[in-house]
PDB file of all heavy atoms in Angstrom:
ATOM      1  N   GLU A   1       5.438  34.157  45.590  1.00  0.00           N
ATOM      2  CA  GLU A   1       4.223  34.628  44.942  1.00  0.00           C
ATOM      3  C   GLU A   1       4.562  35.777  44.000  1.00  0.00           C
ATOM      4  O   GLU A   1       5.439  36.595  44.301  1.00  0.00           O
ATOM      5  CB  GLU A   1       3.208  35.098  45.985  1.00  0.00           C
ATOM      6  CG  GLU A   1       2.786  34.037  46.968  1.00  0.00           C
ATOM      7  CD  GLU A   1       3.666  33.943  48.213  1.00  0.00           C
ATOM      8  OE1 GLU A   1       4.710  34.636  48.283  1.00  0.00           O
ATOM      9  OE2 GLU A   1       3.316  33.202  49.142  1.00  0.00           O
ATOM     10  N   SER A   2       3.847  35.852  42.893  1.00  0.00           N
ATOM     11  CA  SER A   2       4.077  36.912  41.922  1.00  0.00           C
ATOM     12  C   SER A   2       2.794  37.215  41.185  1.00  0.00           C
ATOM     13  O   SER A   2       1.808  36.470  41.294  1.00  0.00           O
ATOM     14  CB  SER A   2       5.171  36.503  40.936  1.00  0.00           C
ATOM     15  OG  SER A   2       4.776  35.359  40.199  1.00  0.00           O
ATOM     16  N   GLY A   3       2.809  38.319  40.438  1.00  0.00           N
ATOM     17  CA  GLY A   3       1.678  38.653  39.596  1.00  0.00           C
ATOM     18  C   GLY A   3       0.789  39.763  40.107  1.00  0.00           C
ATOM     19  O   GLY A   3      -0.126  40.193  39.409  1.00  0.00           O
ATOM     20  N   GLY A   4       1.053  40.232  41.314  1.00  0.00           N
ATOM     21  CA  GLY A   4       0.237  41.315  41.846  1.00  0.00           C
ATOM     22  C   GLY A   4       0.529  42.629  41.157  1.00  0.00           C
ATOM     23  O   GLY A   4       1.421  42.733  40.304  1.00  0.00           O
ATOM     24  N   GLY A   5      -0.237  43.643  41.513  1.00  0.00           N
ATOM     25  CA  GLY A   5      -0.034  44.957  40.931  1.00  0.00           C
ATOM     26  C   GLY A   5      -1.197  45.863  41.215  1.00  0.00           C
ATOM     27  O   GLY A   5      -2.076  45.541  42.012  1.00  0.00           O
ATOM     28  N   LEU A   6      -1.179  46.993  40.533  1.00  0.00           N
ATOM     29  CA  LEU A   6      -2.250  47.976  40.644  1.00  0.00           C
ATOM     30  C   LEU A   6      -3.235  47.759  39.508  1.00  0.00           C
ATOM     31  O   LEU A   6      -2.837  47.699  38.330  1.00  0.00           O
ATOM     32  CB  LEU A   6      -1.671  49.384  40.578  1.00  0.00           C
ATOM     33  CG  LEU A   6      -2.662  50.543  40.481  1.00  0.00           C
ATOM     34  CD1 LEU A   6      -3.546  50.611  41.721  1.00  0.00           C
ATOM     35  CD2 LEU A   6      -1.918  51.851  40.272  1.00  0.00           C
ATOM     36  N   VAL A   7      -4.486  47.657  39.842  1.00  0.00           N
ATOM     37  CA  VAL A   7      -5.518  47.436  38.838  1.00  0.00           C
ATOM     38  C   VAL A   7      -6.738  48.277  39.192  1.00  0.00           C
ATOM     39  O   VAL A   7      -6.990  48.557  40.372  1.00  0.00           O
ATOM     40  CB  VAL A   7      -5.868  45.931  38.747  1.00  0.00           C
ATOM     41  CG1 VAL A   7      -6.478  45.421  40.041  1.00  0.00           C
ATOM     42  CG2 VAL A   7      -6.751  45.636  37.563  1.00  0.00           C
ATOM     43  N   GLN A   8      -7.459  48.700  38.177  1.00  0.00           N
ATOM     44  CA  GLN A   8      -8.679  49.469  38.403  1.00  0.00           C
ATOM     45  C   GLN A   8      -9.807  48.551  38.846  1.00  0.00           C
ATOM     46  O   GLN A   8      -9.792  47.346  38.538  1.00  0.00           O
ATOM     47  CB  GLN A   8      -9.079  50.199  37.128  1.00  0.00           C
ATOM     48  CG  GLN A   8      -8.122  51.308  36.728  1.00  0.00           C
ATOM     49  CD  GLN A   8      -8.620  52.091  35.533  1.00  0.00           C
ATOM     50  OE1 GLN A   8      -9.480  51.631  34.790  1.00  0.00           O
ATOM     51  NE2 GLN A   8      -8.084  53.279  35.347  1.00  0.00           N
ATOM     52  N   PRO A   9     -10.784  49.096  39.555  1.00  0.00           N
ATOM     53  CA  PRO A   9     -11.956  48.276  39.899  1.00  0.00           C
ATOM     54  C   PRO A   9     -12.540  47.647  38.639  1.00  0.00           C
ATOM     55  O   PRO A   9     -12.657  48.297  37.599  1.00  0.00           O
ATOM     56  CB  PRO A   9     -12.909  49.288  40.521  1.00  0.00           C
ATOM     57  CG  PRO A   9     -12.019  50.332  41.100  1.00  0.00           C
ATOM     58  CD  PRO A   9     -10.866  50.445  40.132  1.00  0.00           C
ATOM     59  N   GLY A  10     -12.884  46.379  38.768  1.00  0.00           N
ATOM     60  CA  GLY A  10     -13.380  45.634  37.624  1.00  0.00           C
ATOM     61  C   GLY A  10     -12.308  44.929  36.833  1.00  0.00           C
ATOM     62  O   GLY A  10     -12.614  44.140  35.936  1.00  0.00           O
ATOM     63  N   GLY A  11     -11.064  45.190  37.158  1.00  0.00           N
ATOM     64  CA  GLY A  11      -9.956  44.591  36.435  1.00  0.00           C
ATOM     65  C   GLY A  11      -9.639  43.176  36.857  1.00  0.00           C
ATOM     66  O   GLY A  11     -10.284  42.609  37.748  1.00  0.00           O
ATOM     67  N   SER A  12      -8.610  42.639  36.219  1.00  0.00           N
ATOM     68  CA  SER A  12      -8.213  41.258  36.455  1.00  0.00           C
ATOM     69  C   SER A  12      -6.711  41.158  36.681  1.00  0.00           C
ATOM     70  O   SER A  12      -5.939  41.991  36.203  1.00  0.00           O
ATOM     71  CB  SER A  12      -8.581  40.390  35.244  1.00  0.00           C
ATOM     72  OG  SER A  12      -9.969  40.400  35.010  1.00  0.00           O
ATOM     73  N   LEU A  13      -6.341  40.125  37.400  1.00  0.00           N
ATOM     74  CA  LEU A  13      -4.941  39.784  37.610  1.00  0.00           C
ATOM     75  C   LEU A  13      -4.821  38.272  37.688  1.00  0.00           C
ATOM     76  O   LEU A  13      -5.789  37.584  38.028  1.00  0.00           O
ATOM     77  CB  LEU A  13      -4.401  40.380  38.921  1.00  0.00           C
ATOM     78  CG  LEU A  13      -4.120  41.876  38.992  1.00  0.00           C
ATOM     79  CD1 LEU A  13      -3.795  42.281  40.422  1.00  0.00           C
ATOM     80  CD2 LEU A  13      -2.974  42.256  38.065  1.00  0.00           C
ATOM     81  N   ARG A  14      -3.629  37.800  37.399  1.00  0.00           N
ATOM     82  CA  ARG A  14      -3.350  36.375  37.594  1.00  0.00           C
ATOM     83  C   ARG A  14      -2.135  36.260  38.496  1.00  0.00           C
ATOM     84  O   ARG A  14      -1.043  36.734  38.151  1.00  0.00           O
ATOM     85  CB  ARG A  14      -3.087  35.653  36.277  1.00  0.00           C
ATOM     86  CG  ARG A  14      -2.969  34.133  36.457  1.00  0.00           C
ATOM     87  CD  ARG A  14      -2.835  33.411  35.115  1.00  0.00           C
ATOM     88  NE  ARG A  14      -2.833  31.969  35.280  1.00  0.00           N
ATOM     89  CZ  ARG A  14      -3.929  31.222  35.280  1.00  0.00           C
ATOM     90  NH1 ARG A  14      -5.117  31.777  35.113  1.00  0.00           N
ATOM     91  NH2 ARG A  14      -3.848  29.893  35.434  1.00  0.00           N
ATOM     92  N   LEU A  15      -2.336  35.654  39.636  1.00  0.00           N
ATOM     93  CA  LEU A  15      -1.267  35.450  40.605  1.00  0.00           C
ATOM     94  C   LEU A  15      -0.687  34.056  40.427  1.00  0.00           C
ATOM     95  O   LEU A  15      -1.404  33.108  40.100  1.00  0.00           O
ATOM     96  CB  LEU A  15      -1.786  35.609  42.026  1.00  0.00           C
ATOM     97  CG  LEU A  15      -2.585  36.880  42.330  1.00  0.00           C
ATOM     98  CD1 LEU A  15      -2.971  36.917  43.807  1.00  0.00           C
ATOM     99  CD2 LEU A  15      -1.824  38.121  41.921  1.00  0.00           C
ATOM    100  N   SER A  16       0.599  33.947  40.667  1.00  0.00           N
ATOM    101  CA  SER A  16       1.261  32.653  40.542  1.00  0.00           C
ATOM    102  C   SER A  16       2.095  32.377  41.780  1.00  0.00           C
ATOM    103  O   SER A  16       2.683  33.303  42.362  1.00  0.00           O
ATOM    104  CB  SER A  16       2.137  32.617  39.296  1.00  0.00           C
ATOM    105  OG  SER A  16       2.674  31.328  39.095  1.00  0.00           O
ATOM    106  N   CYS A  17       2.133  31.138  42.160  1.00  0.00           N
ATOM    107  CA  CYS A  17       2.917  30.712  43.309  1.00  0.00           C
ATOM    108  C   CYS A  17       3.825  29.573  42.856  1.00  0.00           C
ATOM    109  O   CYS A  17       3.350  28.556  42.353  1.00  0.00           O
ATOM    110  CB  CYS A  17       1.995  30.228  44.416  1.00  0.00           C
ATOM    111  SG  CYS A  17       2.818  29.342  45.752  1.00  0.00           S
ATOM    112  N   SER A  18       5.104  29.767  43.024  1.00  0.00           N
ATOM    113  CA  SER A  18       6.049  28.691  42.746  1.00  0.00           C
ATOM    114  C   SER A  18       6.657  28.225  44.061  1.00  0.00           C
ATOM    115  O   SER A  18       6.802  29.011  44.997  1.00  0.00           O
ATOM    116  CB  SER A  18       7.140  29.150  41.785  1.00  0.00           C
ATOM    117  OG  SER A  18       7.880  30.199  42.360  1.00  0.00           O
ATOM    118  N   ALA A  19       6.994  26.963  44.109  1.00  0.00           N
ATOM    119  CA  ALA A  19       7.504  26.396  45.344  1.00  0.00           C
ATOM    120  C   ALA A  19       8.825  25.683  45.102  1.00  0.00           C
ATOM    121  O   ALA A  19       9.053  25.110  44.032  1.00  0.00           O
ATOM    122  CB  ALA A  19       6.495  25.421  45.937  1.00  0.00           C
ATOM    123  N   SER A  20       9.673  25.732  46.094  1.00  0.00           N
ATOM    124  CA  SER A  20      10.911  24.971  46.067  1.00  0.00           C
ATOM    125  C   SER A  20      11.056  24.247  47.395  1.00  0.00           C
ATOM    126  O   SER A  20      10.502  24.674  48.416  1.00  0.00           O
ATOM    127  CB  SER A  20      12.114  25.888  45.824  1.00  0.00           C
ATOM    128  OG  SER A  20      12.210  26.858  46.845  1.00  0.00           O
ATOM    129  N   GLY A  21      11.756  23.126  47.355  1.00  0.00           N
ATOM    130  CA  GLY A  21      11.974  22.366  48.585  1.00  0.00           C
ATOM    131  C   GLY A  21      10.781  21.550  49.025  1.00  0.00           C
ATOM    132  O   GLY A  21      10.783  20.997  50.125  1.00  0.00           O
ATOM    133  N   ILE A  22       9.770  21.462  48.171  1.00  0.00           N
ATOM    134  CA  ILE A  22       8.565  20.713  48.514  1.00  0.00           C
ATOM    135  C   ILE A  22       7.883  20.303  47.215  1.00  0.00           C
ATOM    136  O   ILE A  22       7.894  21.054  46.237  1.00  0.00           O
ATOM    137  CB  ILE A  22       7.607  21.556  49.388  1.00  0.00           C
ATOM    138  CG1 ILE A  22       6.416  20.726  49.851  1.00  0.00           C
ATOM    139  CG2 ILE A  22       7.184  22.829  48.682  1.00  0.00           C
ATOM    140  CD1 ILE A  22       5.544  21.423  50.892  1.00  0.00           C
ATOM    141  N   ILE A  23       7.315  19.117  47.218  1.00  0.00           N
ATOM    142  CA  ILE A  23       6.570  18.636  46.068  1.00  0.00           C
ATOM    143  C   ILE A  23       5.091  18.906  46.335  1.00  0.00           C
ATOM    144  O   ILE A  23       4.457  18.250  47.161  1.00  0.00           O
ATOM    145  CB  ILE A  23       6.806  17.135  45.836  1.00  0.00           C
ATOM    146  CG1 ILE A  23       8.316  16.843  45.711  1.00  0.00           C
ATOM    147  CG2 ILE A  23       6.058  16.676  44.598  1.00  0.00           C
ATOM    148  CD1 ILE A  23       8.990  17.557  44.575  1.00  0.00           C
ATOM    149  N   LEU A  24       4.546  19.883  45.637  1.00  0.00           N
ATOM    150  CA  LEU A  24       3.188  20.344  45.939  1.00  0.00           C
ATOM    151  C   LEU A  24       2.126  19.297  45.654  1.00  0.00           C
ATOM    152  O   LEU A  24       1.047  19.347  46.238  1.00  0.00           O
ATOM    153  CB  LEU A  24       2.883  21.622  45.175  1.00  0.00           C
ATOM    154  CG  LEU A  24       3.713  22.851  45.547  1.00  0.00           C
ATOM    155  CD1 LEU A  24       3.193  24.071  44.788  1.00  0.00           C
ATOM    156  CD2 LEU A  24       3.721  23.086  47.038  1.00  0.00           C
ATOM    157  N   SER A  25       2.392  18.363  44.786  1.00  0.00           N
ATOM    158  CA  SER A  25       1.367  17.389  44.416  1.00  0.00           C
ATOM    159  C   SER A  25       0.921  16.524  45.593  1.00  0.00           C
ATOM    160  O   SER A  25      -0.111  15.872  45.516  1.00  0.00           O
ATOM    161  CB  SER A  25       1.866  16.500  43.277  1.00  0.00           C
ATOM    162  OG  SER A  25       3.035  15.801  43.670  1.00  0.00           O
ATOM    163  N   SER A  26       1.656  16.542  46.655  1.00  0.00           N
ATOM    164  CA  SER A  26       1.295  15.761  47.835  1.00  0.00           C
ATOM    165  C   SER A  26       0.360  16.514  48.771  1.00  0.00           C
ATOM    166  O   SER A  26      -0.123  15.934  49.756  1.00  0.00           O
ATOM    167  CB  SER A  26       2.558  15.371  48.619  1.00  0.00           C
ATOM    168  OG  SER A  26       3.409  14.573  47.845  1.00  0.00           O
ATOM    169  N   TYR A  27       0.077  17.782  48.468  1.00  0.00           N
ATOM    170  CA  TYR A  27      -0.611  18.638  49.435  1.00  0.00           C
ATOM    171  C   TYR A  27      -1.795  19.383  48.828  1.00  0.00           C
ATOM    172  O   TYR A  27      -1.758  19.824  47.661  1.00  0.00           O
ATOM    173  CB  TYR A  27       0.356  19.668  50.000  1.00  0.00           C
ATOM    174  CG  TYR A  27       1.556  19.049  50.679  1.00  0.00           C
ATOM    175  CD1 TYR A  27       2.747  18.860  49.979  1.00  0.00           C
ATOM    176  CD2 TYR A  27       1.493  18.646  52.005  1.00  0.00           C
ATOM    177  CE1 TYR A  27       3.851  18.279  50.600  1.00  0.00           C
ATOM    178  CE2 TYR A  27       2.589  18.077  52.625  1.00  0.00           C
ATOM    179  CZ  TYR A  27       3.760  17.893  51.918  1.00  0.00           C
ATOM    180  OH  TYR A  27       4.850  17.319  52.532  1.00  0.00           O
ATOM    181  N   ASN A  28      -2.813  19.559  49.656  1.00  0.00           N
ATOM    182  CA  ASN A  28      -3.824  20.562  49.347  1.00  0.00           C
ATOM    183  C   ASN A  28      -3.183  21.928  49.517  1.00  0.00           C
ATOM    184  O   ASN A  28      -2.358  22.126  50.406  1.00  0.00           O
ATOM    185  CB  ASN A  28      -5.015  20.442  50.298  1.00  0.00           C
ATOM    186  CG  ASN A  28      -5.692  19.097  50.229  1.00  0.00           C
ATOM    187  OD1 ASN A  28      -5.742  18.475  49.172  1.00  0.00           O
ATOM    188  ND2 ASN A  28      -6.171  18.615  51.361  1.00  0.00           N
ATOM    189  N   MET A  29      -3.595  22.862  48.664  1.00  0.00           N
ATOM    190  CA  MET A  29      -2.985  24.190  48.691  1.00  0.00           C
ATOM    191  C   MET A  29      -4.050  25.263  48.828  1.00  0.00           C
ATOM    192  O   MET A  29      -5.206  25.072  48.440  1.00  0.00           O
ATOM    193  CB  MET A  29      -2.198  24.436  47.404  1.00  0.00           C
ATOM    194  CG  MET A  29      -0.969  23.570  47.247  1.00  0.00           C
ATOM    195  SD  MET A  29       0.293  23.941  48.479  1.00  0.00           S
ATOM    196  CE  MET A  29       0.676  25.654  48.069  1.00  0.00           C
ATOM    197  N   GLY A  30      -3.627  26.398  49.336  1.00  0.00           N
ATOM    198  CA  GLY A  30      -4.550  27.510  49.468  1.00  0.00           C
ATOM    199  C   GLY A  30      -3.901  28.822  49.079  1.00  0.00           C
ATOM    200  O   GLY A  30      -2.674  28.973  49.122  1.00  0.00           O
ATOM    201  N   TRP A  31      -4.756  29.733  48.651  1.00  0.00           N
ATOM    202  CA  TRP A  31      -4.356  31.129  48.500  1.00  0.00           C
ATOM    203  C   TRP A  31      -5.005  31.897  49.642  1.00  0.00           C
ATOM    204  O   TRP A  31      -6.208  31.737  49.907  1.00  0.00           O
ATOM    205  CB  TRP A  31      -4.795  31.704  47.164  1.00  0.00           C
ATOM    206  CG  TRP A  31      -3.827  31.460  46.053  1.00  0.00           C
ATOM    207  CD1 TRP A  31      -3.849  30.455  45.141  1.00  0.00           C
ATOM    208  CD2 TRP A  31      -2.684  32.258  45.735  1.00  0.00           C
ATOM    209  NE1 TRP A  31      -2.795  30.556  44.286  1.00  0.00           N
ATOM    210  CE2 TRP A  31      -2.057  31.667  44.617  1.00  0.00           C
ATOM    211  CE3 TRP A  31      -2.112  33.406  46.273  1.00  0.00           C
ATOM    212  CZ2 TRP A  31      -0.905  32.193  44.025  1.00  0.00           C
ATOM    213  CZ3 TRP A  31      -0.969  33.925  45.698  1.00  0.00           C
ATOM    214  CH2 TRP A  31      -0.380  33.322  44.588  1.00  0.00           C
ATOM    215  N   TYR A  32      -4.216  32.732  50.282  1.00  0.00           N
ATOM    216  CA  TYR A  32      -4.647  33.507  51.427  1.00  0.00           C
ATOM    217  C   TYR A  32      -4.401  34.983  51.126  1.00  0.00           C
ATOM    218  O   TYR A  32      -3.593  35.325  50.263  1.00  0.00           O
ATOM    219  CB  TYR A  32      -3.831  33.120  52.672  1.00  0.00           C
ATOM    220  CG  TYR A  32      -3.860  31.650  53.020  1.00  0.00           C
ATOM    221  CD1 TYR A  32      -3.097  30.730  52.305  1.00  0.00           C
ATOM    222  CD2 TYR A  32      -4.653  31.177  54.061  1.00  0.00           C
ATOM    223  CE1 TYR A  32      -3.113  29.374  52.622  1.00  0.00           C
ATOM    224  CE2 TYR A  32      -4.677  29.833  54.384  1.00  0.00           C
ATOM    225  CZ  TYR A  32      -3.902  28.936  53.668  1.00  0.00           C
ATOM    226  OH  TYR A  32      -3.930  27.599  53.984  1.00  0.00           O
ATOM    227  N   ARG A  33      -5.073  35.841  51.867  1.00  0.00           N
ATOM    228  CA  ARG A  33      -4.793  37.261  51.714  1.00  0.00           C
ATOM    229  C   ARG A  33      -4.878  37.948  53.067  1.00  0.00           C
ATOM    230  O   ARG A  33      -5.584  37.493  53.958  1.00  0.00           O
ATOM    231  CB  ARG A  33      -5.747  37.917  50.719  1.00  0.00           C
ATOM    232  CG  ARG A  33      -7.183  37.996  51.178  1.00  0.00           C
ATOM    233  CD  ARG A  33      -8.055  38.556  50.059  1.00  0.00           C
ATOM    234  NE  ARG A  33      -9.462  38.631  50.452  1.00  0.00           N
ATOM    235  CZ  ARG A  33     -10.448  38.938  49.623  1.00  0.00           C
ATOM    236  NH1 ARG A  33     -10.194  39.198  48.342  1.00  0.00           N
ATOM    237  NH2 ARG A  33     -11.684  38.989  50.072  1.00  0.00           N
ATOM    238  N   GLN A  34      -4.145  39.039  53.159  1.00  0.00           N
ATOM    239  CA  GLN A  34      -4.173  39.839  54.379  1.00  0.00           C
ATOM    240  C   GLN A  34      -4.204  41.305  54.003  1.00  0.00           C
ATOM    241  O   GLN A  34      -3.277  41.817  53.361  1.00  0.00           O
ATOM    242  CB  GLN A  34      -2.965  39.543  55.266  1.00  0.00           C
ATOM    243  CG  GLN A  34      -3.037  40.230  56.611  1.00  0.00           C
ATOM    244  CD  GLN A  34      -2.012  39.708  57.596  1.00  0.00           C
ATOM    245  OE1 GLN A  34      -0.993  39.118  57.236  1.00  0.00           O
ATOM    246  NE2 GLN A  34      -2.281  39.902  58.889  1.00  0.00           N
ATOM    247  N   ALA A  35      -5.281  41.949  54.386  1.00  0.00           N
ATOM    248  CA  ALA A  35      -5.430  43.388  54.170  1.00  0.00           C
ATOM    249  C   ALA A  35      -4.924  44.119  55.405  1.00  0.00           C
ATOM    250  O   ALA A  35      -4.882  43.555  56.498  1.00  0.00           O
ATOM    251  CB  ALA A  35      -6.894  43.717  53.908  1.00  0.00           C
ATOM    252  N   PRO A  36      -4.557  45.376  55.252  1.00  0.00           N
ATOM    253  CA  PRO A  36      -4.050  46.147  56.393  1.00  0.00           C
ATOM    254  C   PRO A  36      -5.035  46.147  57.555  1.00  0.00           C
ATOM    255  O   PRO A  36      -6.231  46.398  57.367  1.00  0.00           O
ATOM    256  CB  PRO A  36      -3.875  47.555  55.819  1.00  0.00           C
ATOM    257  CG  PRO A  36      -3.641  47.332  54.372  1.00  0.00           C
ATOM    258  CD  PRO A  36      -4.496  46.148  54.005  1.00  0.00           C
ATOM    259  N   GLY A  37      -4.547  45.834  58.744  1.00  0.00           N
ATOM    260  CA  GLY A  37      -5.386  45.846  59.927  1.00  0.00           C
ATOM    261  C   GLY A  37      -6.316  44.653  60.069  1.00  0.00           C
ATOM    262  O   GLY A  37      -7.129  44.615  60.988  1.00  0.00           O
ATOM    263  N   LYS A  38      -6.204  43.692  59.168  1.00  0.00           N
ATOM    264  CA  LYS A  38      -7.083  42.523  59.212  1.00  0.00           C
ATOM    265  C   LYS A  38      -6.273  41.248  59.340  1.00  0.00           C
ATOM    266  O   LYS A  38      -5.089  41.215  59.029  1.00  0.00           O
ATOM    267  CB  LYS A  38      -7.962  42.467  57.964  1.00  0.00           C
ATOM    268  CG  LYS A  38      -8.935  43.622  57.838  1.00  0.00           C
ATOM    269  CD  LYS A  38      -9.882  43.410  56.678  1.00  0.00           C
ATOM    270  CE  LYS A  38     -10.904  44.526  56.580  1.00  0.00           C
ATOM    271  NZ  LYS A  38     -11.852  44.310  55.452  1.00  0.00           N
ATOM    272  N   GLN A  39      -6.956  40.203  59.789  1.00  0.00           N
ATOM    273  CA  GLN A  39      -6.291  38.916  59.876  1.00  0.00           C
ATOM    274  C   GLN A  39      -6.156  38.290  58.492  1.00  0.00           C
ATOM    275  O   GLN A  39      -6.937  38.565  57.576  1.00  0.00           O
ATOM    276  CB  GLN A  39      -7.098  37.982  60.781  1.00  0.00           C
ATOM    277  CG  GLN A  39      -7.035  38.346  62.255  1.00  0.00           C
ATOM    278  CD  GLN A  39      -7.627  37.268  63.134  1.00  0.00           C
ATOM    279  OE1 GLN A  39      -8.513  36.524  62.720  1.00  0.00           O
ATOM    280  NE2 GLN A  39      -7.152  37.167  64.366  1.00  0.00           N
ATOM    281  N   ARG A  40      -5.155  37.446  58.389  1.00  0.00           N
ATOM    282  CA  ARG A  40      -4.997  36.702  57.145  1.00  0.00           C
ATOM    283  C   ARG A  40      -6.171  35.744  56.974  1.00  0.00           C
ATOM    284  O   ARG A  40      -6.590  35.081  57.929  1.00  0.00           O
ATOM    285  CB  ARG A  40      -3.684  35.929  57.174  1.00  0.00           C
ATOM    286  CG  ARG A  40      -3.301  35.236  55.891  1.00  0.00           C
ATOM    287  CD  ARG A  40      -1.923  34.628  56.025  1.00  0.00           C
ATOM    288  NE  ARG A  40      -0.885  35.643  55.972  1.00  0.00           N
ATOM    289  CZ  ARG A  40       0.287  35.527  56.574  1.00  0.00           C
ATOM    290  NH1 ARG A  40       0.565  34.476  57.294  1.00  0.00           N
ATOM    291  NH2 ARG A  40       1.187  36.480  56.459  1.00  0.00           N
ATOM    292  N   GLU A  41      -6.713  35.666  55.769  1.00  0.00           N
ATOM    293  CA  GLU A  41      -7.862  34.796  55.512  1.00  0.00           C
ATOM    294  C   GLU A  41      -7.600  33.920  54.296  1.00  0.00           C
ATOM    295  O   GLU A  41      -6.918  34.311  53.348  1.00  0.00           O
ATOM    296  CB  GLU A  41      -9.137  35.623  55.282  1.00  0.00           C
ATOM    297  CG  GLU A  41      -9.132  36.467  54.034  1.00  0.00           C
ATOM    298  CD  GLU A  41     -10.504  37.039  53.679  1.00  0.00           C
ATOM    299  OE1 GLU A  41     -11.544  36.530  54.159  1.00  0.00           O
ATOM    300  OE2 GLU A  41     -10.521  38.005  52.879  1.00  0.00           O
ATOM    301  N   LEU A  42      -8.180  32.744  54.355  1.00  0.00           N
ATOM    302  CA  LEU A  42      -8.132  31.835  53.216  1.00  0.00           C
ATOM    303  C   LEU A  42      -9.170  32.279  52.198  1.00  0.00           C
ATOM    304  O   LEU A  42     -10.326  32.475  52.547  1.00  0.00           O
ATOM    305  CB  LEU A  42      -8.439  30.418  53.682  1.00  0.00           C
ATOM    306  CG  LEU A  42      -8.558  29.353  52.608  1.00  0.00           C
ATOM    307  CD1 LEU A  42      -7.199  29.025  52.011  1.00  0.00           C
ATOM    308  CD2 LEU A  42      -9.209  28.087  53.178  1.00  0.00           C
ATOM    309  N   VAL A  43      -8.784  32.449  50.955  1.00  0.00           N
ATOM    310  CA  VAL A  43      -9.757  32.845  49.932  1.00  0.00           C
ATOM    311  C   VAL A  43     -10.086  31.701  48.984  1.00  0.00           C
ATOM    312  O   VAL A  43     -11.187  31.668  48.429  1.00  0.00           O
ATOM    313  CB  VAL A  43      -9.296  34.076  49.124  1.00  0.00           C
ATOM    314  CG1 VAL A  43      -9.210  35.301  50.006  1.00  0.00           C
ATOM    315  CG2 VAL A  43      -7.967  33.837  48.446  1.00  0.00           C
TER     316      VAL A  43
END
């Protein structure tokens, strides 16, 4: 995963995920996030 950073409230970012060892076209995909002290969630 790449593309994260520091942004001001109201700002924008574009995250990218590249994969190796797997052909993604065969799979449903998800982006997940985990904040400190919280469980990982599907967004």
